[in-house]
Amino acid sequence: MLQQQCLWRVTAPEIHFYESLKSDAQTTVCIIGGGFTGLSAAIHLAEKGIKVILLESHSIGSGGSGKSVGLVNAGTWARPDDLNISLGEEAGERLTEALGAAPSLVFDLIHRYGIDAQATQAGNIHMGHNAKGEADVEVRYEQLRRRGANVEILTGSKCHEYCGTTSINKALLDHRAGTINPLAYVRGLAKVATQLGVIIYAQSPVNALEKSGQHWYVRTAQVHIKAERVIIATNAYTEGEWTQIRKTFYKVAYYQIASEPLLGDMANRVLPYKTGAWDTRLALSNFRRDHEGRLLLGTVGGSAGKPKQFYQSWARYVQKSYYPYLPKFSWQYEWYGNFGFTQDHIFRVLEPDKGIVTATAYNGRGITTGTMMGKCFADYIATGDRASIPLPFKTIEDSKIRFTTLKSGITELGLTLYHAGQCLRIIS
């Protein structure tokens, strides 16, 4: 029976119980948000001996970090040369290099601290679904190889073997990448942070951030944290009226569905080398297997205004398009999440006031970008060196996106029409 539940909550190790904040406290750094960015920052600060308190409004991993696809990818959606056009060559190359190393940072944390994240570093595949998509794959390959990235073009029978489908004839295999259970990873980060001395409070939503003298007061409903520095690590799940950072991105929803565990030779033809994958469709489809053999499919789009069977029909269409040889099976779990989006596919790094830093709009690359930015913020706080940050700081005013709610709505409408066209065989 198909359940409206995130698979990762079923398969991730149990979480440690974190109490809510009940009395005033003081620390060097207060982190708001218990996802990839916040917990990475907490760990890297604690490793430097810096006192940290982290506040999470719900439970650890309850936001996008616990609902993501689990693809540990390098880079941004934008191609390296396009980053150089948008940012300038020096800044673009710096960001490409930093994000190229980000998967190694994730897997290093997992291995160094023994986090049970169900991790596999076998690479991920960008599949060209038509001639235009294949041309994009070639361009990305050329740009990445020019910069020394460990990537490979797959064609012909090797492509069919790696992808598990004859529907794809050209793909880009990025050997730097891999997959994880994202909720297991974020829960593991929290456990590590606690072991290093970080104090974590859950069910502690922030409703005000005020400055007095050289300190910031991070206020919940009844108590506060007094801190020298603050990291806001809430991204697309920012709540409350106490911050303007929500105006620097617009939300895009993401849908995922997971099958029952699939066993046998036919099932093992699907991504046999344990890679993750996504295609070059305008509204992309992503594919992966979990550690128990389930097939996971995902795509951009939300549930509002759609019949219950809408995405299940889409999933059947995509599965039949790529993996028609699979025996009949049942879908087991489906869920939705959100990510922050910008039209240039580049995230923003902000310093809204002295002593506060934040990053927003990871554009679906939260695992690697968030983990990397957490470390970058820790380095910046420890040294004061702005070179620790791989992007120039922006102001909130410069980063504001007009009509964010309208843009989210228009994007959702376009995605709905696209998926409907797929199911009706109007769009291939």
Protein backbone atom coordinates (compact mmCIF):
# COMPACT_ATOMS: atom_id res chain seq x y z
CA MET A 1 0.00 0.00 0.00
CA LEU A 2 1.37 3.40 -1.00
CA GLN A 3 2.04 5.58 2.06
CA GLN A 4 2.28 9.37 2.17
CA GLN A 5 5.54 9.21 4.10
CA CYS A 6 9.20 10.02 3.48
CA LEU A 7 11.16 6.81 2.92
CA TRP A 8 14.17 8.14 4.80
CA ARG A 9 12.21 8.35 8.05
CA VAL A 10 11.68 4.60 7.79
CA THR A 11 15.23 3.60 6.83
CA ALA A 12 17.43 6.10 8.73
CA PRO A 13 18.81 5.20 12.17
CA GLU A 14 16.77 6.52 15.08
CA ILE A 15 17.45 10.07 16.18
CA HIS A 16 18.71 11.14 19.57
CA PHE A 17 16.10 13.14 21.50
CA TYR A 18 16.92 16.84 21.73
CA GLU A 19 15.12 18.96 24.31
CA SER A 20 13.71 22.41 23.59
CA LEU A 21 15.34 25.59 24.86
CA LYS A 22 13.81 26.42 28.26
CA SER A 23 16.18 28.98 29.78
CA ASP A 24 18.45 31.80 28.65
CA ALA A 25 21.93 30.81 27.54
CA GLN A 26 25.12 32.36 26.18
CA THR A 27 27.51 31.12 23.50
CA THR A 28 30.10 32.28 21.00
CA VAL A 29 28.13 31.21 17.92
CA CYS A 30 24.40 30.56 17.68
CA ILE A 31 23.28 28.56 14.64
CA ILE A 32 19.66 28.71 13.52
CA GLY A 33 18.70 25.56 11.60
CA GLY A 34 19.58 21.90 12.04
CA GLY A 35 20.18 20.82 8.45
CA PHE A 36 23.29 20.24 6.33
CA THR A 37 24.61 23.81 6.59
CA GLY A 38 23.94 24.35 10.28
CA LEU A 39 25.29 21.02 11.45
CA SER A 40 28.36 21.17 9.21
CA ALA A 41 29.10 24.63 10.61
CA ALA A 42 28.59 23.35 14.15
CA ILE A 43 31.01 20.46 13.66
CA HIS A 44 33.72 22.55 12.02
CA LEU A 45 33.41 25.27 14.66
CA ALA A 46 33.54 22.71 17.48
CA GLU A 47 36.65 21.15 15.93
CA LYS A 48 38.26 24.59 16.32
CA GLY A 49 37.24 24.76 19.99
CA ILE A 50 34.54 27.40 19.44
CA LYS A 51 31.44 27.19 21.64
CA VAL A 52 28.22 26.60 19.69
CA ILE A 53 24.50 26.39 20.43
CA LEU A 54 22.22 25.24 17.60
CA LEU A 55 18.46 25.89 17.50
CA GLU A 56 16.11 23.81 15.33
CA SER A 57 12.48 24.86 15.06
CA HIS A 58 11.19 21.30 14.62
CA SER A 59 13.26 18.09 14.69
CA ILE A 60 16.69 17.48 13.19
CA GLY A 61 16.31 16.86 9.46
CA SER A 62 12.65 17.88 9.35
CA GLY A 63 13.31 20.38 6.55
CA GLY A 64 14.80 19.89 3.12
CA SER A 65 17.85 18.06 4.48
CA GLY A 66 15.73 15.09 5.52
CA LYS A 67 13.61 14.99 2.37
CA SER A 68 16.14 15.35 -0.42
CA VAL A 69 16.91 12.83 -3.15
CA GLY A 70 20.26 11.93 -1.58
CA LEU A 71 22.43 12.66 -4.63
CA VAL A 72 25.87 13.91 -3.57
CA ASN A 73 26.68 15.96 -6.66
CA ALA A 74 29.52 18.29 -7.57
CA GLY A 75 29.00 21.75 -9.01
CA THR A 76 25.85 23.76 -9.63
CA TRP A 77 23.11 23.39 -12.21
CA ALA A 78 24.90 26.14 -14.12
CA ARG A 79 27.79 24.99 -16.32
CA PRO A 80 31.29 26.20 -15.34
CA ASP A 81 31.67 28.59 -18.28
CA ASP A 82 28.23 30.04 -17.52
CA LEU A 83 29.32 30.65 -13.92
CA ASN A 84 32.26 32.64 -15.26
CA ILE A 85 29.91 34.76 -17.37
CA SER A 86 27.64 35.44 -14.37
CA LEU A 87 30.30 35.92 -11.69
CA GLY A 88 33.45 36.86 -13.55
CA GLU A 89 36.20 34.40 -14.40
CA GLU A 90 38.05 34.53 -11.07
CA ALA A 91 34.95 34.08 -8.89
CA GLY A 92 33.43 31.53 -11.27
CA GLU A 93 36.54 29.35 -11.30
CA ARG A 94 36.82 29.59 -7.54
CA LEU A 95 33.25 28.42 -7.05
CA THR A 96 33.61 25.60 -9.56
CA GLU A 97 36.74 24.37 -7.78
CA ALA A 98 35.13 24.58 -4.33
CA LEU A 99 31.97 22.73 -5.36
CA GLY A 100 34.01 20.18 -7.29
CA ALA A 101 35.65 19.21 -3.99
CA ALA A 102 32.39 19.29 -2.01
CA PRO A 103 31.45 15.60 -2.50
CA SER A 104 34.81 14.61 -0.99
CA LEU A 105 34.03 16.82 2.01
CA VAL A 106 30.73 15.00 2.53
CA PHE A 107 32.23 11.52 2.24
CA ASP A 108 35.21 12.51 4.39
CA LEU A 109 32.89 13.57 7.22
CA ILE A 110 30.97 10.30 6.87
CA HIS A 111 34.11 8.16 6.98
CA ARG A 112 36.00 10.21 9.56
CA TYR A 113 33.19 10.07 12.10
CA GLY A 114 31.70 6.69 11.15
CA ILE A 115 28.29 8.10 10.18
CA ASP A 116 25.85 5.39 9.07
CA ALA A 117 24.58 7.33 6.05
CA GLN A 118 24.17 4.34 3.70
CA ALA A 119 26.74 6.09 1.53
CA THR A 120 27.99 4.94 -1.87
CA GLN A 121 30.63 6.94 -3.74
CA ALA A 122 30.24 5.26 -7.12
CA GLY A 123 29.54 8.39 -9.16
CA ASN A 124 26.34 9.86 -10.58
CA ILE A 125 25.06 9.98 -14.15
CA HIS A 126 23.62 12.91 -16.12
CA MET A 127 21.60 11.22 -18.89
CA GLY A 128 21.02 12.93 -22.25
CA HIS A 129 17.40 12.07 -23.03
CA ASN A 130 17.37 13.48 -26.59
CA ALA A 131 19.70 15.10 -29.14
CA LYS A 132 19.64 18.46 -27.36
CA GLY A 133 20.31 16.77 -24.03
CA GLU A 134 23.20 14.81 -25.52
CA ALA A 135 24.72 18.06 -26.82
CA ASP A 136 24.46 19.54 -23.31
CA VAL A 137 26.19 16.47 -21.88
CA GLU A 138 29.05 16.94 -24.37
CA VAL A 139 29.44 20.61 -23.46
CA ARG A 140 29.50 19.85 -19.73
CA TYR A 141 32.03 17.09 -20.26
CA GLU A 142 34.36 19.35 -22.25
CA GLN A 143 34.15 22.16 -19.68
CA LEU A 144 34.71 19.84 -16.72
CA ARG A 145 37.57 17.90 -18.33
CA ARG A 146 39.25 21.21 -19.19
CA ARG A 147 39.31 21.86 -15.44
CA GLY A 148 40.64 18.40 -14.59
CA ALA A 149 37.42 16.92 -13.19
CA ASN A 150 37.16 13.12 -13.02
CA VAL A 151 34.27 12.72 -15.47
CA GLU A 152 33.59 10.34 -18.33
CA ILE A 153 31.30 10.24 -21.36
CA LEU A 154 29.28 7.02 -21.66
CA THR A 155 28.02 5.97 -25.07
CA GLY A 156 26.59 2.88 -26.75
CA SER A 157 26.50 -0.40 -24.88
CA LYS A 158 28.48 0.96 -21.91
CA CYS A 159 25.95 3.76 -21.51
CA HIS A 160 23.07 1.24 -21.68
CA GLU A 161 24.77 -0.92 -19.07
CA TYR A 162 25.50 1.89 -16.60
CA CYS A 163 22.09 3.54 -16.97
CA GLY A 164 20.17 0.29 -17.13
CA THR A 165 18.19 1.44 -20.15
CA THR A 166 18.49 1.49 -23.93
CA SER A 167 16.51 4.76 -23.94
CA ILE A 168 19.70 6.69 -23.17
CA ASN A 169 22.59 6.63 -25.65
CA LYS A 170 24.88 9.27 -24.17
CA ALA A 171 25.49 10.26 -20.56
CA LEU A 172 28.03 12.01 -18.34
CA LEU A 173 29.40 9.94 -15.46
CA ASP A 174 30.83 12.10 -12.66
CA HIS A 175 33.12 9.86 -10.61
CA ARG A 176 33.35 12.44 -7.80
CA ALA A 177 29.71 12.00 -6.85
CA GLY A 178 27.57 9.41 -5.05
CA THR A 179 24.45 8.78 -3.00
CA ILE A 180 23.45 8.78 0.66
CA ASN A 181 20.39 8.47 2.85
CA PRO A 182 20.11 12.22 3.51
CA LEU A 183 18.20 11.94 6.78
CA ALA A 184 20.67 9.37 8.09
CA TYR A 185 23.47 11.76 7.15
CA VAL A 186 21.94 14.79 8.87
CA ARG A 187 21.07 12.78 11.99
CA GLY A 188 24.63 11.49 12.01
CA LEU A 189 25.98 15.03 11.76
CA ALA A 190 23.87 16.01 14.76
CA LYS A 191 25.22 13.10 16.78
CA VAL A 192 28.80 14.04 15.89
CA ALA A 193 28.20 17.69 16.75
CA THR A 194 26.84 16.72 20.15
CA GLN A 195 29.85 14.49 20.82
CA LEU A 196 32.10 17.46 20.03
CA GLY A 197 30.34 19.61 22.61
CA VAL A 198 27.73 21.43 20.53
CA ILE A 199 24.48 22.02 22.42
CA ILE A 200 21.43 21.31 20.23
CA TYR A 201 17.89 22.37 21.05
CA ALA A 202 14.97 21.11 18.94
CA GLN A 203 11.36 22.34 18.88
CA SER A 204 12.79 25.83 19.47
CA PRO A 205 11.61 28.19 16.72
CA VAL A 206 13.21 31.63 16.57
CA ASN A 207 10.87 34.62 16.49
CA ALA A 208 13.29 37.55 16.85
CA LEU A 209 16.93 38.46 16.26
CA GLU A 210 18.08 41.63 18.02
CA LYS A 211 21.42 43.37 18.47
CA SER A 212 22.57 45.00 21.69
CA GLY A 213 26.11 46.32 21.88
CA GLN A 214 28.50 43.71 20.52
CA HIS A 215 26.10 40.80 20.97
CA TRP A 216 23.11 39.31 19.23
CA TYR A 217 20.06 38.02 21.07
CA VAL A 218 18.37 35.10 19.33
CA ARG A 219 14.91 34.98 20.87
CA THR A 220 12.40 32.16 21.01
CA ALA A 221 8.93 32.57 22.49
CA GLN A 222 10.09 33.00 26.10
CA VAL A 223 13.90 32.80 26.32
CA HIS A 224 16.98 33.84 24.37
CA ILE A 225 20.52 32.94 23.35
CA LYS A 226 23.15 35.65 23.72
CA ALA A 227 25.84 35.20 21.05
CA GLU A 228 28.75 36.98 19.44
CA ARG A 229 28.01 35.55 15.99
CA VAL A 230 24.94 34.05 14.30
CA ILE A 231 24.65 31.68 11.35
CA ILE A 232 21.21 31.49 9.76
CA ALA A 233 21.00 28.06 8.14
CA THR A 234 17.29 27.74 7.34
CA ASN A 235 17.26 28.31 3.55
CA ALA A 236 13.95 27.26 1.93
CA TYR A 237 12.46 26.33 5.31
CA THR A 238 12.90 29.77 6.87
CA GLU A 239 9.89 30.54 9.08
CA GLY A 240 8.64 33.67 10.82
CA GLU A 241 8.84 37.38 10.11
CA TRP A 242 12.16 37.99 11.88
CA THR A 243 14.30 37.75 8.74
CA GLN A 244 14.22 39.07 5.19
CA ILE A 245 16.23 36.24 3.65
CA ARG A 246 13.07 34.57 2.33
CA LYS A 247 12.96 37.32 -0.28
CA THR A 248 16.23 36.14 -1.84
CA PHE A 249 14.78 32.97 -3.42
CA TYR A 250 11.51 31.45 -4.46
CA LYS A 251 10.38 28.01 -3.46
CA VAL A 252 10.11 25.10 -5.85
CA ALA A 253 8.51 21.85 -4.70
CA TYR A 254 9.98 18.42 -5.32
CA TYR A 255 8.18 15.06 -5.49
CA GLN A 256 9.61 11.60 -4.84
CA ILE A 257 8.22 8.10 -4.95
CA ALA A 258 9.84 4.82 -3.86
CA SER A 259 8.98 1.26 -4.81
CA GLU A 260 8.93 -1.78 -2.63
CA PRO A 261 12.38 -3.47 -2.51
CA LEU A 262 13.10 -4.94 -5.95
CA LEU A 263 15.17 -8.11 -6.15
CA GLY A 264 16.45 -10.39 -8.89
CA ASP A 265 18.41 -10.08 -12.11
CA MET A 266 15.91 -7.80 -13.86
CA ALA A 267 15.83 -5.31 -11.00
CA ASN A 268 19.63 -5.35 -10.74
CA ARG A 269 19.88 -4.08 -14.32
CA VAL A 270 18.67 -0.68 -13.06
CA LEU A 271 21.76 1.44 -12.28
CA PRO A 272 23.78 -1.71 -11.55
CA TYR A 273 26.84 0.17 -10.26
CA LYS A 274 24.86 1.92 -7.51
CA THR A 275 25.10 5.33 -9.13
CA GLY A 276 22.39 7.94 -8.92
CA ALA A 277 21.09 9.56 -12.10
CA TRP A 278 19.00 12.37 -13.54
CA ASP A 279 18.06 13.28 -17.08
CA THR A 280 18.18 16.43 -19.19
CA ARG A 281 14.42 16.99 -19.42
CA LEU A 282 13.16 20.52 -18.84
CA ALA A 283 11.37 19.12 -15.78
CA LEU A 284 14.01 16.58 -14.87
CA SER A 285 13.48 13.06 -13.63
CA ASN A 286 15.91 11.58 -11.12
CA PHE A 287 16.61 7.90 -10.49
CA ARG A 288 18.41 5.89 -7.84
CA ARG A 289 18.25 2.70 -5.80
CA ASP A 290 18.40 2.67 -2.02
CA HIS A 291 20.39 0.23 0.11
CA GLU A 292 17.42 -2.16 0.24
CA GLY A 293 16.94 -2.25 -3.53
CA ARG A 294 14.02 0.15 -3.90
CA LEU A 295 13.69 2.18 -7.08
CA LEU A 296 13.31 5.90 -6.35
CA LEU A 297 12.00 8.37 -8.91
CA GLY A 298 11.67 12.10 -8.41
CA THR A 299 10.85 15.30 -10.23
CA VAL A 300 10.19 18.98 -9.64
CA GLY A 301 6.60 19.81 -8.74
CA GLY A 302 4.18 20.01 -5.82
CA SER A 303 0.84 18.55 -4.81
CA ALA A 304 -1.40 21.62 -4.75
CA GLY A 305 -4.42 21.34 -7.05
CA LYS A 306 -3.51 17.92 -8.42
CA PRO A 307 -5.47 14.67 -8.17
CA LYS A 308 -4.01 11.97 -5.96
CA GLN A 309 -3.00 9.82 -8.94
CA PHE A 310 -1.23 12.61 -10.85
CA TYR A 311 2.38 11.81 -9.92
CA GLN A 312 1.74 8.09 -9.70
CA SER A 313 0.72 8.25 -13.37
CA TRP A 314 3.87 10.24 -14.08
CA ALA A 315 6.00 7.66 -12.23
CA ARG A 316 4.49 4.78 -14.20
CA TYR A 317 5.16 6.65 -17.45
CA VAL A 318 8.80 7.37 -16.55
CA GLN A 319 9.42 3.84 -15.29
CA LYS A 320 7.99 2.33 -18.48
CA SER A 321 10.01 4.76 -20.60
CA TYR A 322 13.33 3.82 -19.01
CA TYR A 323 12.86 0.42 -17.38
CA PRO A 324 10.04 -1.39 -19.24
CA TYR A 325 11.56 -4.78 -18.45
CA LEU A 326 10.85 -4.57 -14.71
CA PRO A 327 8.27 -7.07 -13.45
CA LYS A 328 5.10 -5.63 -11.95
CA PHE A 329 5.72 -4.04 -8.55
CA SER A 330 4.05 -1.72 -6.05
CA TRP A 331 4.99 1.79 -5.06
CA GLN A 332 5.54 2.00 -1.30
CA TYR A 333 6.26 5.61 -0.25
CA GLU A 334 5.79 9.09 -1.70
CA TRP A 335 6.64 12.53 -0.29
CA TYR A 336 7.30 16.18 -1.13
CA GLY A 337 9.93 18.73 -0.16
CA ASN A 338 10.97 22.26 -1.13
CA PHE A 339 14.16 23.90 -2.26
CA GLY A 340 15.21 27.51 -2.73
CA PHE A 341 15.58 28.53 -6.36
CA THR A 342 17.18 31.38 -8.30
CA GLN A 343 16.86 31.89 -12.02
CA ASP A 344 20.62 31.87 -12.58
CA HIS A 345 20.96 28.61 -10.54
CA ILE A 346 23.58 30.25 -8.28
CA PHE A 347 23.14 30.35 -4.52
CA ARG A 348 23.60 33.55 -2.52
CA VAL A 349 25.93 34.23 0.41
CA LEU A 350 24.77 37.10 2.60
CA GLU A 351 26.09 39.09 5.54
CA PRO A 352 22.94 41.02 6.54
CA ASP A 353 24.68 42.73 9.46
CA LYS A 354 27.98 42.54 11.29
CA GLY A 355 28.10 39.18 13.04
CA ILE A 356 25.46 37.43 10.90
CA VAL A 357 26.06 35.19 7.89
CA THR A 358 23.72 33.05 5.82
CA ALA A 359 23.46 31.26 2.48
CA THR A 360 20.27 30.70 0.50
CA ALA A 361 18.97 29.06 -2.66
CA TYR A 362 21.04 25.92 -3.16
CA ASN A 363 18.93 25.11 -6.23
CA GLY A 364 18.61 21.42 -5.38
CA ARG A 365 22.28 20.85 -4.50
CA GLY A 366 21.86 21.11 -0.74
CA ILE A 367 23.90 18.13 0.43
CA THR A 368 27.20 19.25 -1.03
CA THR A 369 26.62 23.01 -1.06
CA GLY A 370 25.24 23.04 2.47
CA THR A 371 28.04 20.89 3.88
CA MET A 372 30.63 23.05 2.13
CA MET A 373 29.08 26.35 3.25
CA GLY A 374 28.91 25.14 6.83
CA LYS A 375 32.67 24.60 6.77
CA CYS A 376 33.23 27.91 4.98
CA PHE A 377 31.25 29.81 7.60
CA ALA A 378 33.22 28.10 10.38
CA ASP A 379 36.50 29.07 8.73
CA TYR A 380 35.32 32.65 8.21
CA ILE A 381 34.21 33.05 11.83
CA ALA A 382 37.46 31.56 13.11
CA THR A 383 39.79 33.64 10.93
CA GLY A 384 37.84 36.66 9.69
CA ASP A 385 39.23 35.93 6.22
CA ARG A 386 36.62 36.55 3.52
CA ALA A 387 38.59 34.31 1.20
CA SER A 388 37.08 31.45 3.21
CA ILE A 389 33.81 32.10 1.35
CA PRO A 390 33.75 30.89 -2.29
CA LEU A 391 31.31 33.59 -3.43
CA PRO A 392 31.33 37.36 -2.88
CA PHE A 393 28.94 38.49 -0.16
CA LYS A 394 25.67 39.97 -1.41
CA THR A 395 23.29 42.26 0.42
CA ILE A 396 19.70 41.20 0.93
CA GLU A 397 18.58 44.23 -1.07
CA ASP A 398 20.75 43.23 -4.05
CA SER A 399 19.58 39.61 -3.78
CA LYS A 400 15.85 40.19 -3.46
CA ILE A 401 13.65 38.51 -6.02
CA ARG A 402 10.44 40.33 -6.87
CA PHE A 403 7.10 38.54 -6.70
CA THR A 404 8.48 35.34 -5.22
CA THR A 405 5.03 33.86 -4.55
CA LEU A 406 3.98 34.59 -8.12
CA LYS A 407 7.17 33.07 -9.52
CA SER A 408 6.63 29.93 -7.45
CA GLY A 409 3.06 29.69 -8.76
CA ILE A 410 4.03 30.21 -12.39
CA THR A 411 6.82 27.65 -12.08
CA GLU A 412 4.43 25.13 -10.54
CA LEU A 413 1.87 25.68 -13.33
CA GLY A 414 4.52 25.14 -15.99
CA LEU A 415 5.71 21.94 -14.30
CA THR A 416 2.15 20.65 -14.03
CA LEU A 417 1.54 21.18 -17.74
CA TYR A 418 4.87 19.55 -18.60
CA HIS A 419 4.16 16.43 -16.53
CA ALA A 420 0.64 16.21 -17.89
CA GLY A 421 2.12 16.35 -21.40
CA GLN A 422 4.47 13.49 -20.53
CA CYS A 423 1.64 11.31 -19.24
CA LEU A 424 -0.45 12.08 -22.33
CA ARG A 425 2.57 11.25 -24.55
CA ILE A 426 2.55 14.82 -25.92
CA ILE A 427 6.04 15.46 -24.49
CA SER A 428 8.70 12.79 -24.74
